């Protein structure tokens, strides 16, 4: 059985593998980011709306949680925008939008809903950010 904390740890590890940067933003809730070093990618992982799935087996209870992943990439220079958005960002988005990628994460039983793009890629200064949401099930 996987607790939500285990699922969260495993999802964070999968995102690190995806972004190639072992770096989670200091807070998963803040909207004004700490200074990002140039040419680095960081992420935020927030969980919300945890519920028991009706019809769960009497032997095993299944729960669902909605996870919100926000990826932030600090460009090394303004001219590197297209290089990032047409390569690394696309690779990351292809994985984050694929239910099979989420199902392959240890502790995730299934994808209940999504994944869906929550916010399109936006640039603020030299930082490009975008978000996905997905509801996953796990045993409790």
N, C-alpha and C. Protein backbone atom coordinates (compact mmCIF):
# COMPACT_ATOMS: atom_id res chain seq x y z
N UNK A 1 0.84 -1.18 0.00
CA UNK A 1 0.00 0.00 0.00
C UNK A 1 0.88 1.24 0.00
N UNK A 2 0.45 2.25 -0.73
CA UNK A 2 1.22 3.48 -0.82
C UNK A 2 0.44 4.63 -0.20
N UNK A 3 1.06 5.33 0.70
CA UNK A 3 0.43 6.50 1.28
C UNK A 3 0.56 7.66 0.30
N UNK A 4 -0.19 8.72 0.55
CA UNK A 4 -0.08 9.90 -0.30
C UNK A 4 1.33 10.49 -0.22
N UNK A 5 1.94 10.43 0.95
CA UNK A 5 3.31 10.94 1.10
C UNK A 5 4.28 10.16 0.21
N UNK A 6 4.09 8.85 0.12
CA UNK A 6 4.93 8.02 -0.74
C UNK A 6 4.70 8.37 -2.20
N UNK A 7 3.44 8.51 -2.58
CA UNK A 7 3.11 8.87 -3.95
C UNK A 7 3.74 10.22 -4.30
N UNK A 8 3.62 11.19 -3.39
CA UNK A 8 4.19 12.52 -3.62
C UNK A 8 5.72 12.44 -3.81
N UNK A 9 6.38 11.67 -2.96
CA UNK A 9 7.83 11.50 -3.07
C UNK A 9 8.20 10.88 -4.41
N UNK A 10 7.46 9.87 -4.83
CA UNK A 10 7.75 9.19 -6.09
C UNK A 10 7.45 10.08 -7.30
N UNK A 11 6.38 10.87 -7.22
CA UNK A 11 6.07 11.81 -8.31
C UNK A 11 7.18 12.84 -8.40
N UNK A 12 7.62 13.37 -7.26
CA UNK A 12 8.71 14.36 -7.27
C UNK A 12 9.97 13.77 -7.90
N UNK A 13 10.28 12.53 -7.57
CA UNK A 13 11.45 11.87 -8.15
C UNK A 13 11.29 11.71 -9.66
N UNK A 14 10.09 11.38 -10.11
CA UNK A 14 9.84 11.23 -11.55
C UNK A 14 10.00 12.57 -12.27
N UNK A 15 9.55 13.65 -11.64
CA UNK A 15 9.70 14.98 -12.24
C UNK A 15 11.17 15.36 -12.31
N UNK A 16 11.93 15.04 -11.27
CA UNK A 16 13.38 15.30 -11.30
C UNK A 16 14.00 14.56 -12.48
N UNK A 17 13.59 13.31 -12.69
CA UNK A 17 14.10 12.55 -13.82
C UNK A 17 13.71 13.17 -15.15
N UNK A 18 12.55 13.77 -15.19
CA UNK A 18 12.04 14.40 -16.41
C UNK A 18 12.75 15.72 -16.71
N UNK A 19 12.95 16.53 -15.68
CA UNK A 19 13.55 17.86 -15.89
C UNK A 19 15.06 17.82 -15.85
N UNK A 20 15.61 16.74 -15.26
CA UNK A 20 17.06 16.64 -15.17
C UNK A 20 17.65 17.55 -14.10
N UNK A 21 16.80 18.12 -13.29
CA UNK A 21 17.26 19.02 -12.25
C UNK A 21 16.70 18.58 -10.92
N UNK A 22 17.52 18.19 -9.98
CA UNK A 22 16.99 17.76 -8.68
C UNK A 22 16.62 18.95 -7.80
N UNK A 23 15.68 19.75 -8.27
CA UNK A 23 15.44 20.98 -7.55
C UNK A 23 13.96 21.33 -7.51
N UNK A 24 13.39 21.22 -6.34
CA UNK A 24 12.01 21.63 -6.10
C UNK A 24 12.06 23.03 -5.50
N UNK A 25 11.15 23.88 -5.89
CA UNK A 25 11.09 25.23 -5.34
C UNK A 25 10.87 25.11 -3.83
N UNK A 26 11.41 26.04 -3.05
CA UNK A 26 11.33 25.99 -1.60
C UNK A 26 9.92 25.87 -1.05
N UNK A 27 8.95 26.45 -1.74
CA UNK A 27 7.56 26.37 -1.32
C UNK A 27 6.71 25.94 -2.50
N UNK A 28 5.75 25.05 -2.24
CA UNK A 28 4.86 24.62 -3.30
C UNK A 28 3.68 25.56 -3.47
N UNK A 29 3.55 26.54 -2.60
CA UNK A 29 2.37 27.40 -2.61
C UNK A 29 2.64 28.83 -3.10
N UNK A 30 3.88 29.30 -3.02
CA UNK A 30 4.14 30.70 -3.37
C UNK A 30 4.00 30.92 -4.86
N UNK A 31 3.62 32.13 -5.22
CA UNK A 31 3.53 32.48 -6.63
C UNK A 31 4.69 33.36 -7.07
N UNK A 32 5.31 34.05 -6.11
CA UNK A 32 6.49 34.83 -6.46
C UNK A 32 7.71 33.97 -6.14
N UNK A 33 8.41 33.57 -7.18
CA UNK A 33 9.49 32.60 -7.03
C UNK A 33 10.75 33.22 -6.47
N UNK A 34 11.49 32.38 -5.77
CA UNK A 34 12.84 32.76 -5.37
C UNK A 34 13.66 32.90 -6.64
N UNK A 35 14.78 33.56 -6.58
CA UNK A 35 15.62 33.70 -7.77
C UNK A 35 16.08 32.36 -8.30
N UNK A 36 15.83 32.13 -9.56
CA UNK A 36 16.28 30.90 -10.20
C UNK A 36 17.61 31.17 -10.89
N UNK A 37 18.52 30.23 -10.79
CA UNK A 37 19.79 30.38 -11.50
C UNK A 37 19.52 30.23 -12.99
N UNK A 38 20.33 30.88 -13.81
CA UNK A 38 20.11 30.81 -15.25
C UNK A 38 20.25 29.39 -15.76
N UNK A 39 19.43 29.09 -16.75
CA UNK A 39 19.41 27.81 -17.43
C UNK A 39 19.12 26.64 -16.48
N UNK A 40 18.24 26.86 -15.52
CA UNK A 40 17.83 25.80 -14.61
C UNK A 40 16.31 25.63 -14.65
N UNK A 41 15.87 24.45 -14.27
CA UNK A 41 14.45 24.15 -14.21
C UNK A 41 14.12 23.71 -12.79
N UNK A 42 13.07 24.29 -12.22
CA UNK A 42 12.58 23.90 -10.90
C UNK A 42 11.10 23.60 -11.02
N UNK A 43 10.56 22.94 -10.01
CA UNK A 43 9.14 22.62 -10.06
C UNK A 43 8.49 22.79 -8.70
N UNK A 44 7.17 22.94 -8.75
CA UNK A 44 6.33 22.94 -7.56
C UNK A 44 5.34 21.80 -7.71
N UNK A 45 5.05 21.13 -6.61
CA UNK A 45 4.12 20.00 -6.60
C UNK A 45 3.15 20.20 -5.45
N UNK A 46 1.91 20.43 -5.80
CA UNK A 46 0.89 20.67 -4.79
C UNK A 46 -0.16 19.58 -4.89
N UNK A 47 -0.71 19.18 -3.77
CA UNK A 47 -1.78 18.19 -3.76
C UNK A 47 -3.03 18.80 -3.13
N UNK A 48 -4.16 18.33 -3.60
CA UNK A 48 -5.41 18.90 -3.14
C UNK A 48 -6.52 17.88 -3.38
N UNK A 49 -7.60 18.04 -2.73
CA UNK A 49 -8.82 17.27 -2.97
C UNK A 49 -8.58 15.78 -2.87
N UNK A 50 -8.30 15.34 -1.68
CA UNK A 50 -8.09 13.92 -1.43
C UNK A 50 -9.43 13.31 -1.00
N UNK A 51 -9.80 12.19 -1.64
CA UNK A 51 -11.09 11.57 -1.33
C UNK A 51 -10.99 10.06 -1.49
N UNK A 52 -11.86 9.36 -0.81
CA UNK A 52 -11.95 7.90 -0.96
C UNK A 52 -12.77 7.60 -2.21
N UNK A 53 -12.34 6.62 -2.97
CA UNK A 53 -13.06 6.24 -4.18
C UNK A 53 -14.16 5.26 -3.79
N UNK A 54 -15.37 5.61 -4.13
CA UNK A 54 -16.52 4.74 -3.83
C UNK A 54 -16.37 3.42 -4.57
N UNK A 55 -16.84 2.36 -3.94
CA UNK A 55 -16.77 1.05 -4.57
C UNK A 55 -15.43 0.37 -4.36
N UNK A 56 -14.60 0.94 -3.49
CA UNK A 56 -13.31 0.31 -3.20
C UNK A 56 -13.55 -1.06 -2.58
N UNK A 57 -12.65 -1.96 -2.81
CA UNK A 57 -12.73 -3.29 -2.24
C UNK A 57 -12.75 -3.19 -0.71
N UNK A 58 -13.41 -4.14 -0.08
CA UNK A 58 -13.44 -4.12 1.38
C UNK A 58 -12.07 -4.42 1.97
N UNK A 59 -11.20 -5.07 1.18
CA UNK A 59 -9.86 -5.40 1.66
C UNK A 59 -8.87 -4.25 1.48
N UNK A 60 -9.07 -3.47 0.44
CA UNK A 60 -8.15 -2.38 0.13
C UNK A 60 -8.96 -1.13 -0.18
N UNK A 61 -8.62 -0.04 0.48
CA UNK A 61 -9.28 1.23 0.20
C UNK A 61 -8.45 2.01 -0.81
N UNK A 62 -9.13 2.54 -1.83
CA UNK A 62 -8.46 3.36 -2.83
C UNK A 62 -8.85 4.81 -2.61
N UNK A 63 -7.87 5.68 -2.76
CA UNK A 63 -8.08 7.11 -2.60
C UNK A 63 -7.62 7.81 -3.87
N UNK A 64 -8.14 8.99 -4.08
CA UNK A 64 -7.72 9.81 -5.22
C UNK A 64 -7.25 11.16 -4.69
N UNK A 65 -6.22 11.67 -5.31
CA UNK A 65 -5.72 13.00 -4.97
C UNK A 65 -5.44 13.73 -6.27
N UNK A 66 -5.73 15.01 -6.28
CA UNK A 66 -5.40 15.84 -7.43
C UNK A 66 -4.04 16.47 -7.17
N UNK A 67 -3.14 16.29 -8.12
CA UNK A 67 -1.80 16.85 -8.03
C UNK A 67 -1.66 17.96 -9.06
N UNK A 68 -1.03 19.04 -8.64
CA UNK A 68 -0.77 20.17 -9.53
C UNK A 68 0.74 20.33 -9.64
N UNK A 69 1.26 20.25 -10.86
CA UNK A 69 2.69 20.38 -11.10
C UNK A 69 2.92 21.65 -11.91
N UNK A 70 3.78 22.51 -11.39
CA UNK A 70 4.16 23.72 -12.12
C UNK A 70 5.66 23.65 -12.38
N UNK A 71 6.02 23.79 -13.64
CA UNK A 71 7.41 23.77 -14.06
C UNK A 71 7.84 25.20 -14.34
N UNK A 72 9.02 25.58 -13.83
CA UNK A 72 9.60 26.90 -14.06
C UNK A 72 10.99 26.71 -14.67
N UNK A 73 11.24 27.39 -15.76
CA UNK A 73 12.57 27.32 -16.38
C UNK A 73 13.11 28.73 -16.54
N UNK A 74 14.32 28.94 -16.03
CA UNK A 74 14.99 30.23 -16.15
C UNK A 74 15.91 30.18 -17.36
N UNK A 75 15.61 31.01 -18.35
CA UNK A 75 16.42 31.06 -19.56
C UNK A 75 17.79 31.65 -19.25
N UNK A 76 18.80 31.20 -19.98
CA UNK A 76 20.14 31.78 -19.80
C UNK A 76 20.20 33.15 -20.44
N UNK A 77 19.37 33.38 -21.45
CA UNK A 77 19.24 34.70 -22.06
C UNK A 77 17.91 34.75 -22.80
N UNK A 78 17.43 35.94 -23.06
CA UNK A 78 16.14 36.09 -23.73
C UNK A 78 16.13 35.40 -25.09
N UNK A 79 17.26 35.36 -25.74
CA UNK A 79 17.33 34.76 -27.08
C UNK A 79 17.23 33.23 -27.05
N UNK A 80 17.30 32.61 -25.89
CA UNK A 80 17.22 31.16 -25.77
C UNK A 80 15.79 30.64 -25.60
N UNK A 81 14.81 31.54 -25.68
CA UNK A 81 13.41 31.14 -25.48
C UNK A 81 12.99 30.03 -26.43
N UNK A 82 13.20 30.21 -27.72
CA UNK A 82 12.74 29.21 -28.69
C UNK A 82 13.51 27.90 -28.55
N UNK A 83 14.76 27.98 -28.19
CA UNK A 83 15.54 26.74 -28.00
C UNK A 83 14.92 25.89 -26.90
N UNK A 84 14.47 26.52 -25.80
CA UNK A 84 13.85 25.78 -24.71
C UNK A 84 12.44 25.32 -25.08
N UNK A 85 11.62 26.24 -25.63
CA UNK A 85 10.22 25.90 -25.89
C UNK A 85 10.05 24.87 -27.01
N UNK A 86 11.03 24.72 -27.88
CA UNK A 86 10.91 23.76 -28.97
C UNK A 86 11.66 22.46 -28.71
N UNK A 87 12.25 22.32 -27.51
CA UNK A 87 12.97 21.07 -27.23
C UNK A 87 12.62 20.55 -25.84
N UNK A 88 13.33 20.98 -24.82
CA UNK A 88 13.14 20.44 -23.47
C UNK A 88 11.71 20.62 -22.97
N UNK A 89 11.11 21.77 -23.20
CA UNK A 89 9.76 22.01 -22.72
C UNK A 89 8.78 21.05 -23.39
N UNK A 90 8.93 20.80 -24.68
CA UNK A 90 8.03 19.87 -25.37
C UNK A 90 8.17 18.46 -24.83
N UNK A 91 9.39 18.04 -24.57
CA UNK A 91 9.62 16.70 -24.01
C UNK A 91 8.95 16.58 -22.65
N UNK A 92 9.10 17.61 -21.81
CA UNK A 92 8.47 17.59 -20.49
C UNK A 92 6.95 17.56 -20.61
N UNK A 93 6.41 18.38 -21.50
CA UNK A 93 4.95 18.44 -21.65
C UNK A 93 4.38 17.14 -22.21
N UNK A 94 5.11 16.50 -23.13
CA UNK A 94 4.64 15.21 -23.65
C UNK A 94 4.51 14.18 -22.53
N UNK A 95 5.45 14.16 -21.61
CA UNK A 95 5.36 13.23 -20.48
C UNK A 95 4.27 13.62 -19.52
N UNK A 96 4.23 14.87 -19.11
CA UNK A 96 3.25 15.33 -18.12
C UNK A 96 1.81 15.18 -18.63
N UNK A 97 1.62 15.20 -19.94
CA UNK A 97 0.27 15.08 -20.50
C UNK A 97 -0.12 13.64 -20.82
N UNK A 98 0.78 12.70 -20.56
CA UNK A 98 0.56 11.29 -20.90
C UNK A 98 0.14 10.49 -19.66
N UNK A 99 -1.09 9.97 -19.64
CA UNK A 99 -1.52 9.18 -18.48
C UNK A 99 -0.59 7.99 -18.19
N UNK A 100 0.00 7.39 -19.22
CA UNK A 100 0.91 6.25 -19.02
C UNK A 100 2.14 6.66 -18.22
N UNK A 101 2.62 7.88 -18.39
CA UNK A 101 3.78 8.37 -17.61
C UNK A 101 3.43 8.39 -16.13
N UNK A 102 2.23 8.85 -15.81
CA UNK A 102 1.78 8.92 -14.42
C UNK A 102 1.57 7.52 -13.84
N UNK A 103 0.98 6.62 -14.64
CA UNK A 103 0.73 5.26 -14.16
C UNK A 103 2.02 4.50 -13.86
N UNK A 104 3.09 4.87 -14.53
CA UNK A 104 4.38 4.19 -14.34
C UNK A 104 5.08 4.59 -13.04
N UNK A 105 4.56 5.60 -12.37
CA UNK A 105 5.18 6.06 -11.11
C UNK A 105 4.77 5.12 -9.99
N UNK A 106 5.76 4.64 -9.25
CA UNK A 106 5.51 3.71 -8.15
C UNK A 106 4.54 4.32 -7.15
N UNK A 107 3.53 3.55 -6.77
CA UNK A 107 2.54 4.00 -5.80
C UNK A 107 1.27 4.52 -6.45
N UNK A 108 1.35 4.91 -7.72
CA UNK A 108 0.16 5.38 -8.43
C UNK A 108 -0.57 4.15 -8.97
N UNK A 109 -1.82 3.98 -8.56
CA UNK A 109 -2.60 2.84 -9.03
C UNK A 109 -3.16 3.11 -10.42
N UNK A 110 -3.75 4.30 -10.59
CA UNK A 110 -4.32 4.64 -11.89
C UNK A 110 -4.49 6.15 -11.98
N UNK A 111 -4.77 6.61 -13.19
CA UNK A 111 -5.11 8.01 -13.42
C UNK A 111 -6.63 8.11 -13.41
N UNK A 112 -7.17 8.91 -12.51
CA UNK A 112 -8.61 9.05 -12.37
C UNK A 112 -9.14 10.11 -13.33
N UNK A 113 -8.40 11.19 -13.48
CA UNK A 113 -8.82 12.29 -14.36
C UNK A 113 -7.60 13.04 -14.84
N UNK A 114 -7.64 13.47 -16.10
CA UNK A 114 -6.53 14.23 -16.64
C UNK A 114 -5.49 13.30 -17.25
N UNK A 115 -4.30 13.77 -17.36
CA UNK A 115 -3.78 15.08 -16.98
C UNK A 115 -4.24 16.18 -17.95
N UNK A 116 -4.38 17.37 -17.39
CA UNK A 116 -4.81 18.52 -18.18
C UNK A 116 -3.87 19.69 -17.95
N UNK A 117 -3.69 20.47 -19.00
CA UNK A 117 -2.90 21.68 -18.91
C UNK A 117 -3.69 22.71 -18.10
N UNK A 118 -3.12 23.18 -17.00
CA UNK A 118 -3.80 24.15 -16.13
C UNK A 118 -3.48 25.57 -16.52
N UNK A 119 -2.23 25.79 -16.91
CA UNK A 119 -1.85 27.12 -17.39
C UNK A 119 -0.84 26.96 -18.51
N UNK A 120 -1.13 27.62 -19.60
CA UNK A 120 -0.24 27.57 -20.75
C UNK A 120 1.09 28.21 -20.38
N UNK A 121 2.09 27.88 -21.16
CA UNK A 121 3.41 28.45 -20.91
C UNK A 121 3.35 29.97 -21.02
N UNK A 122 3.86 30.62 -19.98
CA UNK A 122 3.94 32.08 -19.94
C UNK A 122 5.34 32.48 -19.56
N UNK A 123 5.75 33.58 -20.08
CA UNK A 123 7.09 34.08 -19.77
C UNK A 123 6.97 35.34 -18.94
N UNK A 124 7.70 35.37 -17.83
CA UNK A 124 7.78 36.53 -16.96
C UNK A 124 9.26 36.83 -16.78
N UNK A 125 9.75 37.87 -17.42
CA UNK A 125 11.19 38.12 -17.44
C UNK A 125 11.85 37.01 -18.22
N UNK A 126 12.80 36.33 -17.62
CA UNK A 126 13.45 35.20 -18.28
C UNK A 126 12.94 33.85 -17.78
N UNK A 127 11.83 33.85 -17.03
CA UNK A 127 11.28 32.62 -16.49
C UNK A 127 10.05 32.20 -17.28
N UNK A 128 10.07 30.96 -17.78
CA UNK A 128 8.91 30.38 -18.46
C UNK A 128 8.28 29.38 -17.51
N UNK A 129 6.96 29.48 -17.32
CA UNK A 129 6.25 28.59 -16.39
C UNK A 129 4.99 28.04 -17.05
N UNK A 130 4.63 26.81 -16.66
CA UNK A 130 3.38 26.20 -17.09
C UNK A 130 2.99 25.16 -16.06
N UNK A 131 1.70 24.78 -16.04
CA UNK A 131 1.19 23.86 -15.02
C UNK A 131 0.29 22.79 -15.61
N UNK A 132 0.32 21.61 -14.96
CA UNK A 132 -0.57 20.50 -15.27
C UNK A 132 -1.27 20.05 -14.00
N UNK A 133 -2.47 19.48 -14.17
CA UNK A 133 -3.19 18.87 -13.06
C UNK A 133 -3.55 17.45 -13.45
N UNK A 134 -3.49 16.56 -12.48
CA UNK A 134 -3.87 15.17 -12.71
C UNK A 134 -4.41 14.60 -11.41
N UNK A 135 -5.45 13.79 -11.52
CA UNK A 135 -5.96 13.07 -10.34
C UNK A 135 -5.52 11.63 -10.47
N UNK A 136 -4.84 11.16 -9.44
CA UNK A 136 -4.34 9.78 -9.42
C UNK A 136 -4.94 9.03 -8.25
N UNK A 137 -5.05 7.72 -8.41
CA UNK A 137 -5.54 6.90 -7.31
C UNK A 137 -4.38 6.11 -6.72
N UNK A 138 -4.54 5.78 -5.45
CA UNK A 138 -3.52 5.04 -4.71
C UNK A 138 -4.22 4.31 -3.58
N UNK A 139 -3.55 3.31 -3.02
CA UNK A 139 -4.14 2.58 -1.91
C UNK A 139 -3.78 3.27 -0.61
N UNK A 140 -4.66 3.18 0.35
CA UNK A 140 -4.40 3.88 1.60
C UNK A 140 -4.29 2.97 2.77
